[in-house]
Amino acid sequence: MVRPKFGVGIMALALLAACAFQPPTTVAPPLTVTATVTSVPQPSATAVLTSGPEARASEYKDTWLCFTVKVPTGWTADGVPGGFASFTPETGQSSFRITNVALEETTLTQALDELRRGSLGAFIQEVKDFTVGDRPALWVTLSPDNPDSSGIKLVVLVIAPDCGDGPHALFISATEADQEAFKMFLSQIRFI
């Protein structure tokens, strides 16, 4: 007959006793996560052909930035909804751009301060009151020796009306265009 060694039996008994006096463990129920999908408005921009007494023209509409532009025949329009839109005559020499400054509520003074802090700030020659599509605006003339690589010569800051997210600032710029051509382009902008 083989007798168990005394030390092994005591050790086994000690382990069993230690386990017997441990608090019971509980298993937590599985975690349930509920996700609700909400509809987030997506920005849109469209170019629609319209007809009128003159030659056919198109309309560029950005519902996120709340504006439309009548685009003359032969011009090209391109953009990213909620970000920017660019318009170029068929000659391709000058171009006009509408850029979002911020989708949050902004004043003309804040938009001008932001422009002054940026790379164009040192080249601002004159700032005067202006109107775009019945909205108050600021006409900013830059010095002709502006070395800015984008070629921006004229700038207008305007506050687009509240069309869902509150009024927001737009930066409208012209490259290689004279003041009359820029004013003609600005007269084609309407706010929605």
N, C-alpha and C. Protein backbone atom coordinates (compact mmCIF):
# COMPACT_ATOMS: atom_id res chain seq x y z
N MET A 1 0.82 -1.15 0.00
CA MET A 1 0.00 0.00 0.00
C MET A 1 0.88 1.23 0.00
N VAL A 2 0.52 2.17 -0.83
CA VAL A 2 1.29 3.40 -0.96
C VAL A 2 0.57 4.48 -0.18
N ARG A 3 1.32 5.10 0.67
CA ARG A 3 0.72 6.16 1.48
C ARG A 3 1.06 7.51 0.89
N PRO A 4 0.06 8.36 0.80
CA PRO A 4 0.37 9.69 0.29
C PRO A 4 1.27 10.42 1.26
N LYS A 5 2.09 11.23 0.72
CA LYS A 5 2.98 12.00 1.56
C LYS A 5 2.16 13.04 2.30
N PHE A 6 2.50 13.24 3.54
CA PHE A 6 1.75 14.12 4.42
C PHE A 6 1.76 15.56 3.90
N GLY A 7 2.88 16.05 3.39
CA GLY A 7 3.00 17.45 2.94
C GLY A 7 2.10 17.74 1.76
N VAL A 8 1.96 16.79 0.83
CA VAL A 8 1.14 17.01 -0.35
C VAL A 8 -0.32 17.09 0.05
N GLY A 9 -0.77 16.29 0.96
CA GLY A 9 -2.17 16.29 1.41
C GLY A 9 -2.53 17.59 2.09
N ILE A 10 -1.64 18.08 2.91
CA ILE A 10 -1.90 19.34 3.63
C ILE A 10 -1.96 20.49 2.64
N MET A 11 -1.09 20.49 1.67
CA MET A 11 -1.08 21.57 0.69
C MET A 11 -2.37 21.57 -0.12
N ALA A 12 -2.85 20.38 -0.51
CA ALA A 12 -4.09 20.29 -1.27
C ALA A 12 -5.26 20.77 -0.42
N LEU A 13 -5.26 20.39 0.86
CA LEU A 13 -6.32 20.82 1.75
C LEU A 13 -6.31 22.33 1.95
N ALA A 14 -5.13 22.94 2.01
CA ALA A 14 -5.01 24.40 2.18
C ALA A 14 -5.53 25.13 0.94
N LEU A 15 -5.23 24.62 -0.23
CA LEU A 15 -5.73 25.23 -1.46
C LEU A 15 -7.24 25.15 -1.55
N LEU A 16 -7.80 24.01 -1.19
CA LEU A 16 -9.27 23.86 -1.22
C LEU A 16 -9.92 24.81 -0.22
N ALA A 17 -9.34 24.96 0.94
CA ALA A 17 -9.90 25.86 1.95
C ALA A 17 -9.83 27.31 1.48
N ALA A 18 -8.73 27.67 0.84
CA ALA A 18 -8.58 29.05 0.35
C ALA A 18 -9.64 29.36 -0.70
N CYS A 19 -9.91 28.40 -1.57
CA CYS A 19 -10.92 28.62 -2.61
C CYS A 19 -12.32 28.67 -2.02
N ALA A 20 -12.56 27.92 -0.96
CA ALA A 20 -13.90 27.86 -0.38
C ALA A 20 -14.29 29.18 0.27
N PHE A 21 -13.34 29.93 0.76
CA PHE A 21 -13.67 31.17 1.46
C PHE A 21 -13.53 32.43 0.60
N GLN A 22 -13.37 32.27 -0.69
CA GLN A 22 -13.31 33.42 -1.60
C GLN A 22 -14.73 33.89 -1.89
N PRO A 23 -14.90 35.23 -2.05
CA PRO A 23 -16.24 35.71 -2.40
C PRO A 23 -16.62 35.19 -3.78
N PRO A 24 -17.91 34.96 -3.97
CA PRO A 24 -18.33 34.41 -5.28
C PRO A 24 -18.08 35.45 -6.38
N THR A 25 -17.71 34.96 -7.53
CA THR A 25 -17.51 35.86 -8.66
C THR A 25 -18.79 35.92 -9.45
N THR A 26 -19.07 37.14 -9.94
CA THR A 26 -20.28 37.29 -10.76
C THR A 26 -19.85 37.66 -12.17
N VAL A 27 -20.58 37.22 -13.10
CA VAL A 27 -20.32 37.52 -14.49
C VAL A 27 -21.31 38.60 -14.91
N ALA A 28 -20.77 39.73 -15.40
CA ALA A 28 -21.62 40.83 -15.82
C ALA A 28 -22.34 40.45 -17.11
N PRO A 29 -23.57 40.91 -17.24
CA PRO A 29 -24.27 40.62 -18.50
C PRO A 29 -23.56 41.33 -19.65
N PRO A 30 -23.72 40.83 -20.86
CA PRO A 30 -23.04 41.48 -21.99
C PRO A 30 -23.52 42.93 -22.15
N LEU A 31 -22.60 43.78 -22.52
CA LEU A 31 -22.89 45.20 -22.70
C LEU A 31 -23.67 45.39 -23.99
N THR A 32 -24.77 46.13 -23.89
CA THR A 32 -25.57 46.40 -25.07
C THR A 32 -25.42 47.87 -25.42
N VAL A 33 -25.04 48.16 -26.66
CA VAL A 33 -24.90 49.53 -27.13
C VAL A 33 -25.95 49.77 -28.20
N THR A 34 -26.70 50.85 -28.01
CA THR A 34 -27.71 51.20 -28.98
C THR A 34 -27.24 52.44 -29.71
N ALA A 35 -27.18 52.39 -31.02
CA ALA A 35 -26.78 53.54 -31.84
C ALA A 35 -27.98 54.00 -32.64
N THR A 36 -28.21 55.29 -32.60
CA THR A 36 -29.30 55.85 -33.37
C THR A 36 -28.70 56.64 -34.52
N VAL A 37 -29.08 56.31 -35.71
CA VAL A 37 -28.60 57.02 -36.88
C VAL A 37 -29.48 58.24 -37.11
N THR A 38 -28.83 59.40 -37.16
CA THR A 38 -29.59 60.62 -37.42
C THR A 38 -29.21 61.14 -38.79
N SER A 39 -30.09 61.85 -39.36
CA SER A 39 -29.84 62.40 -40.69
C SER A 39 -29.01 63.66 -40.57
N VAL A 40 -27.87 63.69 -41.23
CA VAL A 40 -27.01 64.87 -41.25
C VAL A 40 -27.16 65.52 -42.62
N PRO A 41 -27.53 66.80 -42.65
CA PRO A 41 -27.70 67.43 -43.95
C PRO A 41 -26.39 67.44 -44.72
N GLN A 42 -26.45 67.05 -45.96
CA GLN A 42 -25.28 67.03 -46.81
C GLN A 42 -25.28 68.27 -47.71
N PRO A 43 -24.12 68.91 -47.84
CA PRO A 43 -24.07 70.08 -48.70
C PRO A 43 -24.31 69.68 -50.15
N SER A 44 -24.88 70.59 -50.89
CA SER A 44 -25.08 70.30 -52.31
C SER A 44 -24.79 71.54 -53.14
N ALA A 45 -24.35 71.29 -54.33
CA ALA A 45 -24.15 72.35 -55.30
C ALA A 45 -24.59 71.80 -56.64
N THR A 46 -25.31 72.60 -57.37
CA THR A 46 -25.79 72.14 -58.66
C THR A 46 -25.55 73.20 -59.71
N ALA A 47 -25.40 72.76 -60.93
CA ALA A 47 -25.33 73.67 -62.07
C ALA A 47 -26.48 73.29 -62.97
N VAL A 48 -27.41 74.21 -63.15
CA VAL A 48 -28.62 73.93 -63.91
C VAL A 48 -28.69 74.86 -65.10
N LEU A 49 -28.99 74.33 -66.27
CA LEU A 49 -29.18 75.17 -67.45
C LEU A 49 -30.55 75.83 -67.37
N THR A 50 -30.58 77.10 -67.62
CA THR A 50 -31.85 77.82 -67.67
C THR A 50 -31.91 78.55 -68.99
N SER A 51 -33.10 78.86 -69.42
CA SER A 51 -33.20 79.60 -70.68
C SER A 51 -33.83 80.95 -70.41
N GLY A 52 -33.50 81.89 -71.21
CA GLY A 52 -34.03 83.23 -71.05
C GLY A 52 -34.08 83.90 -72.40
N PRO A 53 -34.43 85.19 -72.41
CA PRO A 53 -34.50 85.91 -73.68
C PRO A 53 -33.13 86.00 -74.36
N GLU A 54 -32.07 85.94 -73.56
CA GLU A 54 -30.73 85.97 -74.13
C GLU A 54 -30.31 84.54 -74.43
N ALA A 55 -29.05 84.36 -74.66
CA ALA A 55 -28.53 83.01 -74.88
C ALA A 55 -28.70 82.20 -73.60
N ARG A 56 -28.63 80.89 -73.73
CA ARG A 56 -28.77 80.02 -72.56
C ARG A 56 -27.68 80.32 -71.55
N ALA A 57 -28.08 80.33 -70.32
CA ALA A 57 -27.13 80.55 -69.23
C ALA A 57 -27.33 79.42 -68.23
N SER A 58 -26.39 79.26 -67.35
CA SER A 58 -26.54 78.25 -66.32
C SER A 58 -26.54 78.93 -64.96
N GLU A 59 -27.01 78.19 -63.98
CA GLU A 59 -27.05 78.70 -62.62
C GLU A 59 -26.29 77.73 -61.73
N TYR A 60 -25.36 78.25 -60.95
CA TYR A 60 -24.64 77.45 -59.98
C TYR A 60 -25.28 77.73 -58.63
N LYS A 61 -25.68 76.68 -57.92
CA LYS A 61 -26.37 76.84 -56.65
C LYS A 61 -25.71 76.00 -55.58
N ASP A 62 -25.30 76.64 -54.49
CA ASP A 62 -24.72 75.93 -53.35
C ASP A 62 -25.68 76.12 -52.17
N THR A 63 -26.42 75.07 -51.84
CA THR A 63 -27.42 75.18 -50.77
C THR A 63 -26.79 75.19 -49.38
N TRP A 64 -25.55 74.77 -49.27
CA TRP A 64 -24.87 74.79 -47.98
C TRP A 64 -24.37 76.19 -47.65
N LEU A 65 -23.85 76.89 -48.67
CA LEU A 65 -23.36 78.25 -48.46
C LEU A 65 -24.40 79.31 -48.81
N CYS A 66 -25.57 78.88 -49.27
CA CYS A 66 -26.74 79.75 -49.42
C CYS A 66 -26.62 80.79 -50.54
N PHE A 67 -26.03 80.42 -51.68
CA PHE A 67 -25.95 81.39 -52.77
C PHE A 67 -26.17 80.70 -54.12
N THR A 68 -26.56 81.53 -55.10
CA THR A 68 -26.63 81.10 -56.49
C THR A 68 -25.87 82.13 -57.32
N VAL A 69 -25.33 81.67 -58.45
CA VAL A 69 -24.63 82.55 -59.39
C VAL A 69 -25.14 82.24 -60.78
N LYS A 70 -25.56 83.27 -61.51
CA LYS A 70 -25.89 83.08 -62.92
C LYS A 70 -24.56 83.06 -63.67
N VAL A 71 -24.28 81.94 -64.29
CA VAL A 71 -23.01 81.75 -64.98
C VAL A 71 -23.21 82.04 -66.46
N PRO A 72 -22.52 83.04 -67.00
CA PRO A 72 -22.69 83.38 -68.41
C PRO A 72 -22.32 82.21 -69.33
N THR A 73 -22.89 82.21 -70.50
CA THR A 73 -22.60 81.19 -71.50
C THR A 73 -21.11 81.16 -71.80
N GLY A 74 -20.55 79.97 -71.86
CA GLY A 74 -19.14 79.81 -72.17
C GLY A 74 -18.22 79.80 -70.96
N TRP A 75 -18.73 80.19 -69.81
CA TRP A 75 -17.92 80.16 -68.60
C TRP A 75 -17.92 78.75 -68.03
N THR A 76 -16.91 78.43 -67.24
CA THR A 76 -16.91 77.16 -66.51
C THR A 76 -17.10 77.44 -65.03
N ALA A 77 -17.82 76.55 -64.38
CA ALA A 77 -18.04 76.66 -62.94
C ALA A 77 -17.67 75.32 -62.32
N ASP A 78 -17.01 75.38 -61.19
CA ASP A 78 -16.59 74.18 -60.50
C ASP A 78 -16.58 74.48 -59.02
N GLY A 79 -16.68 73.47 -58.19
CA GLY A 79 -16.62 73.74 -56.77
C GLY A 79 -16.82 72.51 -55.92
N VAL A 80 -16.70 72.73 -54.62
CA VAL A 80 -16.96 71.72 -53.60
C VAL A 80 -18.06 72.29 -52.72
N PRO A 81 -19.23 71.65 -52.67
CA PRO A 81 -20.33 72.17 -51.87
C PRO A 81 -19.91 72.45 -50.42
N GLY A 82 -20.26 73.62 -49.95
CA GLY A 82 -19.93 74.00 -48.58
C GLY A 82 -18.50 74.48 -48.41
N GLY A 83 -17.70 74.45 -49.48
CA GLY A 83 -16.30 74.85 -49.38
C GLY A 83 -15.96 76.02 -50.26
N PHE A 84 -16.06 75.81 -51.59
CA PHE A 84 -15.72 76.89 -52.52
C PHE A 84 -16.38 76.63 -53.86
N ALA A 85 -16.42 77.68 -54.68
CA ALA A 85 -16.86 77.58 -56.07
C ALA A 85 -15.97 78.50 -56.88
N SER A 86 -15.59 78.06 -58.09
CA SER A 86 -14.78 78.92 -58.94
C SER A 86 -15.45 79.07 -60.30
N PHE A 87 -15.27 80.25 -60.88
CA PHE A 87 -15.92 80.61 -62.14
C PHE A 87 -14.88 81.24 -63.05
N THR A 88 -14.78 80.73 -64.28
CA THR A 88 -13.77 81.21 -65.21
C THR A 88 -14.39 81.52 -66.56
N PRO A 89 -14.17 82.73 -67.11
CA PRO A 89 -14.66 83.04 -68.46
C PRO A 89 -13.97 82.15 -69.48
N GLU A 90 -14.58 82.04 -70.65
CA GLU A 90 -13.99 81.17 -71.66
C GLU A 90 -12.62 81.64 -72.11
N THR A 91 -12.31 82.92 -71.93
CA THR A 91 -10.97 83.40 -72.27
C THR A 91 -9.93 82.84 -71.30
N GLY A 92 -10.39 82.49 -70.09
CA GLY A 92 -9.51 81.87 -69.11
C GLY A 92 -8.52 82.81 -68.45
N GLN A 93 -8.58 84.09 -68.78
CA GLN A 93 -7.60 85.02 -68.22
C GLN A 93 -7.90 85.38 -66.77
N SER A 94 -9.13 85.68 -66.49
CA SER A 94 -9.48 86.03 -65.12
C SER A 94 -10.33 84.93 -64.53
N SER A 95 -10.39 84.89 -63.22
CA SER A 95 -11.28 83.93 -62.58
C SER A 95 -11.80 84.54 -61.29
N PHE A 96 -12.92 83.99 -60.86
CA PHE A 96 -13.59 84.49 -59.67
C PHE A 96 -13.85 83.28 -58.77
N ARG A 97 -13.75 83.50 -57.49
CA ARG A 97 -13.89 82.39 -56.55
C ARG A 97 -14.70 82.83 -55.34
N ILE A 98 -15.58 81.96 -54.90
CA ILE A 98 -16.34 82.18 -53.67
C ILE A 98 -15.91 81.10 -52.70
N THR A 99 -15.38 81.51 -51.57
CA THR A 99 -14.85 80.57 -50.59
C THR A 99 -15.53 80.79 -49.25
N ASN A 100 -15.81 79.70 -48.58
CA ASN A 100 -16.38 79.76 -47.25
C ASN A 100 -15.30 80.19 -46.26
N VAL A 101 -15.61 81.21 -45.45
CA VAL A 101 -14.69 81.61 -44.40
C VAL A 101 -14.94 80.74 -43.17
N ALA A 102 -16.20 80.61 -42.79
CA ALA A 102 -16.57 79.78 -41.65
C ALA A 102 -18.06 79.53 -41.71
N LEU A 103 -18.47 78.31 -41.34
CA LEU A 103 -19.90 78.01 -41.33
C LEU A 103 -20.56 78.46 -40.05
N GLU A 104 -19.77 78.95 -39.11
CA GLU A 104 -20.38 79.46 -37.89
C GLU A 104 -20.75 80.92 -38.07
N GLU A 105 -21.54 81.40 -37.16
CA GLU A 105 -21.99 82.78 -37.24
C GLU A 105 -20.78 83.72 -37.13
N THR A 106 -20.63 84.60 -38.09
CA THR A 106 -19.48 85.50 -38.18
C THR A 106 -19.97 86.88 -38.61
N THR A 107 -19.30 87.91 -38.13
CA THR A 107 -19.63 89.27 -38.55
C THR A 107 -18.63 89.71 -39.62
N LEU A 108 -18.95 90.79 -40.33
CA LEU A 108 -18.02 91.34 -41.30
C LEU A 108 -16.72 91.78 -40.63
N THR A 109 -16.81 92.35 -39.45
CA THR A 109 -15.62 92.79 -38.73
C THR A 109 -14.72 91.61 -38.41
N GLN A 110 -15.31 90.49 -37.96
CA GLN A 110 -14.51 89.30 -37.66
C GLN A 110 -13.86 88.73 -38.93
N ALA A 111 -14.61 88.72 -40.03
CA ALA A 111 -14.06 88.21 -41.30
C ALA A 111 -12.90 89.09 -41.78
N LEU A 112 -13.05 90.42 -41.63
CA LEU A 112 -11.97 91.33 -42.03
C LEU A 112 -10.75 91.15 -41.13
N ASP A 113 -10.96 90.98 -39.83
CA ASP A 113 -9.84 90.74 -38.91
C ASP A 113 -9.10 89.46 -39.30
N GLU A 114 -9.84 88.43 -39.69
CA GLU A 114 -9.22 87.18 -40.13
C GLU A 114 -8.39 87.39 -41.40
N LEU A 115 -8.91 88.19 -42.33
CA LEU A 115 -8.17 88.50 -43.56
C LEU A 115 -6.89 89.27 -43.24
N ARG A 116 -6.98 90.21 -42.33
CA ARG A 116 -5.81 91.01 -41.94
C ARG A 116 -4.73 90.15 -41.28
N ARG A 117 -5.14 89.10 -40.56
CA ARG A 117 -4.16 88.21 -39.91
C ARG A 117 -3.52 87.23 -40.90
N GLY A 118 -4.14 87.03 -42.06
CA GLY A 118 -3.65 86.06 -43.03
C GLY A 118 -2.55 86.62 -43.93
N SER A 119 -2.20 85.84 -44.95
CA SER A 119 -1.09 86.20 -45.84
C SER A 119 -1.38 87.45 -46.68
N LEU A 120 -2.65 87.81 -46.87
CA LEU A 120 -2.99 88.99 -47.67
C LEU A 120 -3.05 90.27 -46.83
N GLY A 121 -3.05 90.12 -45.52
CA GLY A 121 -3.24 91.26 -44.63
C GLY A 121 -2.29 92.41 -44.86
N ALA A 122 -1.03 92.11 -45.11
CA ALA A 122 -0.02 93.18 -45.29
C ALA A 122 -0.22 93.96 -46.58
N PHE A 123 -1.06 93.44 -47.50
CA PHE A 123 -1.23 94.07 -48.81
C PHE A 123 -2.57 94.78 -48.97
N ILE A 124 -3.33 94.89 -47.88
CA ILE A 124 -4.61 95.60 -47.95
C ILE A 124 -4.35 97.09 -48.09
N GLN A 125 -4.88 97.68 -49.18
CA GLN A 125 -4.72 99.12 -49.42
C GLN A 125 -5.93 99.90 -48.95
N GLU A 126 -7.12 99.34 -49.22
CA GLU A 126 -8.34 100.08 -48.93
C GLU A 126 -9.46 99.10 -48.61
N VAL A 127 -10.32 99.52 -47.67
CA VAL A 127 -11.52 98.76 -47.32
C VAL A 127 -12.68 99.73 -47.36
N LYS A 128 -13.72 99.39 -48.13
CA LYS A 128 -14.89 100.28 -48.18
C LYS A 128 -16.17 99.45 -48.15
N ASP A 129 -17.24 100.10 -47.71
CA ASP A 129 -18.54 99.43 -47.66
C ASP A 129 -19.03 99.14 -49.07
N PHE A 130 -19.74 98.04 -49.20
CA PHE A 130 -20.22 97.59 -50.50
C PHE A 130 -21.49 96.78 -50.26
N THR A 131 -22.16 96.38 -51.32
CA THR A 131 -23.35 95.53 -51.22
C THR A 131 -23.26 94.45 -52.29
N VAL A 132 -23.59 93.23 -51.90
CA VAL A 132 -23.67 92.12 -52.85
C VAL A 132 -25.04 91.48 -52.68
N GLY A 133 -25.82 91.50 -53.76
CA GLY A 133 -27.14 90.87 -53.70
C GLY A 133 -27.98 91.30 -52.52
N ASP A 134 -28.01 92.55 -52.19
CA ASP A 134 -28.73 93.21 -51.10
C ASP A 134 -28.16 92.92 -49.70
N ARG A 135 -26.98 92.31 -49.65
CA ARG A 135 -26.33 92.02 -48.36
C ARG A 135 -25.17 92.99 -48.14
N PRO A 136 -25.01 93.50 -46.91
CA PRO A 136 -23.86 94.35 -46.62
C PRO A 136 -22.56 93.58 -46.85
N ALA A 137 -21.56 94.27 -47.38
CA ALA A 137 -20.29 93.63 -47.70
C ALA A 137 -19.16 94.64 -47.52
N LEU A 138 -17.94 94.14 -47.61
CA LEU A 138 -16.75 94.99 -47.58
C LEU A 138 -15.94 94.71 -48.84
N TRP A 139 -15.60 95.77 -49.57
CA TRP A 139 -14.76 95.67 -50.77
C TRP A 139 -13.33 95.94 -50.30
N VAL A 140 -12.43 94.99 -50.54
CA VAL A 140 -11.04 95.11 -50.11
C VAL A 140 -10.16 95.16 -51.35
N THR A 141 -9.40 96.25 -51.48
CA THR A 141 -8.46 96.38 -52.59
C THR A 141 -7.07 96.07 -52.07
N LEU A 142 -6.35 95.20 -52.80
CA LEU A 142 -5.00 94.82 -52.41
C LEU A 142 -3.99 95.60 -53.25
N SER A 143 -2.78 95.78 -52.74
CA SER A 143 -1.76 96.50 -53.49
C SER A 143 -1.38 95.72 -54.74
N PRO A 144 -1.06 96.43 -55.84
CA PRO A 144 -0.74 95.76 -57.09
C PRO A 144 0.52 94.91 -57.01
N ASP A 145 1.41 95.21 -56.06
CA ASP A 145 2.64 94.42 -55.95
C ASP A 145 2.47 93.25 -54.97
N ASN A 146 1.26 92.83 -54.79
CA ASN A 146 0.95 91.70 -53.92
C ASN A 146 1.62 90.43 -54.47
N PRO A 147 2.56 89.84 -53.75
CA PRO A 147 3.25 88.66 -54.26
C PRO A 147 2.51 87.35 -53.98
N ASP A 148 1.29 87.44 -53.52
CA ASP A 148 0.53 86.24 -53.20
C ASP A 148 0.49 85.31 -54.41
N SER A 149 0.83 84.06 -54.22
CA SER A 149 0.94 83.11 -55.34
C SER A 149 -0.39 82.80 -56.01
N SER A 150 -1.50 83.07 -55.31
CA SER A 150 -2.80 82.77 -55.92
C SER A 150 -3.25 83.83 -56.91
N GLY A 151 -2.57 84.97 -56.94
CA GLY A 151 -2.89 86.03 -57.90
C GLY A 151 -4.12 86.85 -57.54
N ILE A 152 -4.58 86.78 -56.29
CA ILE A 152 -5.77 87.52 -55.87
C ILE A 152 -5.48 89.01 -55.91
N LYS A 153 -6.36 89.76 -56.60
CA LYS A 153 -6.21 91.21 -56.71
C LYS A 153 -7.31 91.97 -55.99
N LEU A 154 -8.51 91.41 -56.02
CA LEU A 154 -9.67 92.08 -55.39
C LEU A 154 -10.40 91.07 -54.51
N VAL A 155 -10.93 91.56 -53.40
CA VAL A 155 -11.64 90.70 -52.45
C VAL A 155 -12.90 91.41 -51.98
N VAL A 156 -13.97 90.66 -51.85
CA VAL A 156 -15.18 91.16 -51.19
C VAL A 156 -15.54 90.16 -50.11
N LEU A 157 -15.82 90.68 -48.92
CA LEU A 157 -16.30 89.87 -47.83
C LEU A 157 -17.78 90.16 -47.67
N VAL A 158 -18.59 89.11 -47.55
CA VAL A 158 -20.03 89.29 -47.39
C VAL A 158 -20.54 88.24 -46.42
N ILE A 159 -21.59 88.59 -45.70
CA ILE A 159 -22.21 87.64 -44.79
C ILE A 159 -23.44 87.05 -45.49
N ALA A 160 -23.40 85.76 -45.76
CA ALA A 160 -24.55 85.09 -46.37
C ALA A 160 -25.64 84.96 -45.33
N PRO A 161 -26.89 84.98 -45.74
CA PRO A 161 -27.98 84.93 -44.77
C PRO A 161 -28.09 83.55 -44.11
N ASP A 162 -28.87 83.50 -43.05
CA ASP A 162 -29.12 82.25 -42.35
C ASP A 162 -30.01 81.35 -43.20
N CYS A 163 -29.47 80.24 -43.64
CA CYS A 163 -30.31 79.28 -44.38
C CYS A 163 -30.23 77.92 -43.69
N GLY A 164 -30.10 77.94 -42.36
CA GLY A 164 -30.08 76.69 -41.61
C GLY A 164 -29.08 76.68 -40.48
N ASP A 165 -27.86 77.16 -40.72
CA ASP A 165 -26.82 77.11 -39.69
C ASP A 165 -26.41 78.49 -39.19
N GLY A 166 -27.19 79.50 -39.51
CA GLY A 166 -26.85 80.86 -39.10
C GLY A 166 -26.09 81.57 -40.20
N PRO A 167 -26.02 82.90 -40.14
CA PRO A 167 -25.29 83.67 -41.14
C PRO A 167 -23.80 83.34 -41.08
N HIS A 168 -23.14 83.28 -42.22
CA HIS A 168 -21.72 82.95 -42.27
C HIS A 168 -21.02 83.81 -43.32
N ALA A 169 -19.72 83.96 -43.16
CA ALA A 169 -18.94 84.84 -44.04
C ALA A 169 -18.46 84.10 -45.28
N LEU A 170 -18.52 84.80 -46.41
CA LEU A 170 -17.97 84.30 -47.67
C LEU A 170 -16.88 85.25 -48.13
N PHE A 171 -15.83 84.69 -48.72
CA PHE A 171 -14.69 85.42 -49.26
C PHE A 171 -14.81 85.30 -50.78
N ILE A 172 -15.10 86.40 -51.45
CA ILE A 172 -15.24 86.39 -52.91
C ILE A 172 -14.02 87.10 -53.47
N SER A 173 -13.29 86.43 -54.35
CA SER A 173 -12.04 87.01 -54.84
C SER A 173 -11.96 86.97 -56.36
N ALA A 174 -11.10 87.83 -56.89
CA ALA A 174 -10.87 87.90 -58.34
C ALA A 174 -9.38 87.87 -58.60
N THR A 175 -9.00 87.11 -59.62
CA THR A 175 -7.61 87.12 -60.08
C THR A 175 -7.58 87.65 -61.51
N GLU A 176 -6.61 88.46 -61.78
CA GLU A 176 -6.41 89.00 -63.13
C GLU A 176 -7.68 89.66 -63.70
N ALA A 177 -8.48 90.28 -62.87
CA ALA A 177 -9.70 90.94 -63.34
C ALA A 177 -9.68 92.39 -62.90
N ASP A 178 -10.26 93.26 -63.71
CA ASP A 178 -10.36 94.66 -63.31
C ASP A 178 -11.63 94.84 -62.46
N GLN A 179 -11.78 96.02 -61.89
CA GLN A 179 -12.89 96.27 -60.98
C GLN A 179 -14.24 96.13 -61.67
N GLU A 180 -14.34 96.57 -62.92
CA GLU A 180 -15.63 96.49 -63.63
C GLU A 180 -16.05 95.04 -63.88
N ALA A 181 -15.08 94.20 -64.28
CA ALA A 181 -15.39 92.78 -64.50
C ALA A 181 -15.80 92.11 -63.18
N PHE A 182 -15.13 92.49 -62.10
CA PHE A 182 -15.47 91.93 -60.79
C PHE A 182 -16.86 92.37 -60.35
N LYS A 183 -17.19 93.64 -60.55
CA LYS A 183 -18.53 94.13 -60.21
C LYS A 183 -19.60 93.42 -61.03
N MET A 184 -19.31 93.15 -62.31
CA MET A 184 -20.26 92.43 -63.16
C MET A 184 -20.50 91.02 -62.59
N PHE A 185 -19.42 90.34 -62.18
CA PHE A 185 -19.56 89.02 -61.60
C PHE A 185 -20.38 89.08 -60.30
N LEU A 186 -20.06 90.05 -59.44
CA LEU A 186 -20.77 90.18 -58.17
C LEU A 186 -22.27 90.44 -58.37
N SER A 187 -22.63 91.10 -59.47
CA SER A 187 -24.04 91.38 -59.73
C SER A 187 -24.82 90.11 -60.09
N GLN A 188 -24.12 89.02 -60.37
CA GLN A 188 -24.78 87.75 -60.73
C GLN A 188 -25.03 86.86 -59.51
N ILE A 189 -24.60 87.31 -58.32
CA ILE A 189 -24.74 86.51 -57.10
C ILE A 189 -26.05 86.86 -56.39
N ARG A 190 -26.78 85.82 -56.00
CA ARG A 190 -28.00 85.99 -55.20
C ARG A 190 -27.91 85.05 -54.00
N PHE A 191 -28.50 85.45 -52.91
CA PHE A 191 -28.49 84.62 -51.71
C PHE A 191 -29.85 83.95 -51.51
N ILE A 192 -29.82 82.73 -51.02
CA ILE A 192 -31.07 81.96 -50.87
C ILE A 192 -31.33 81.65 -49.41
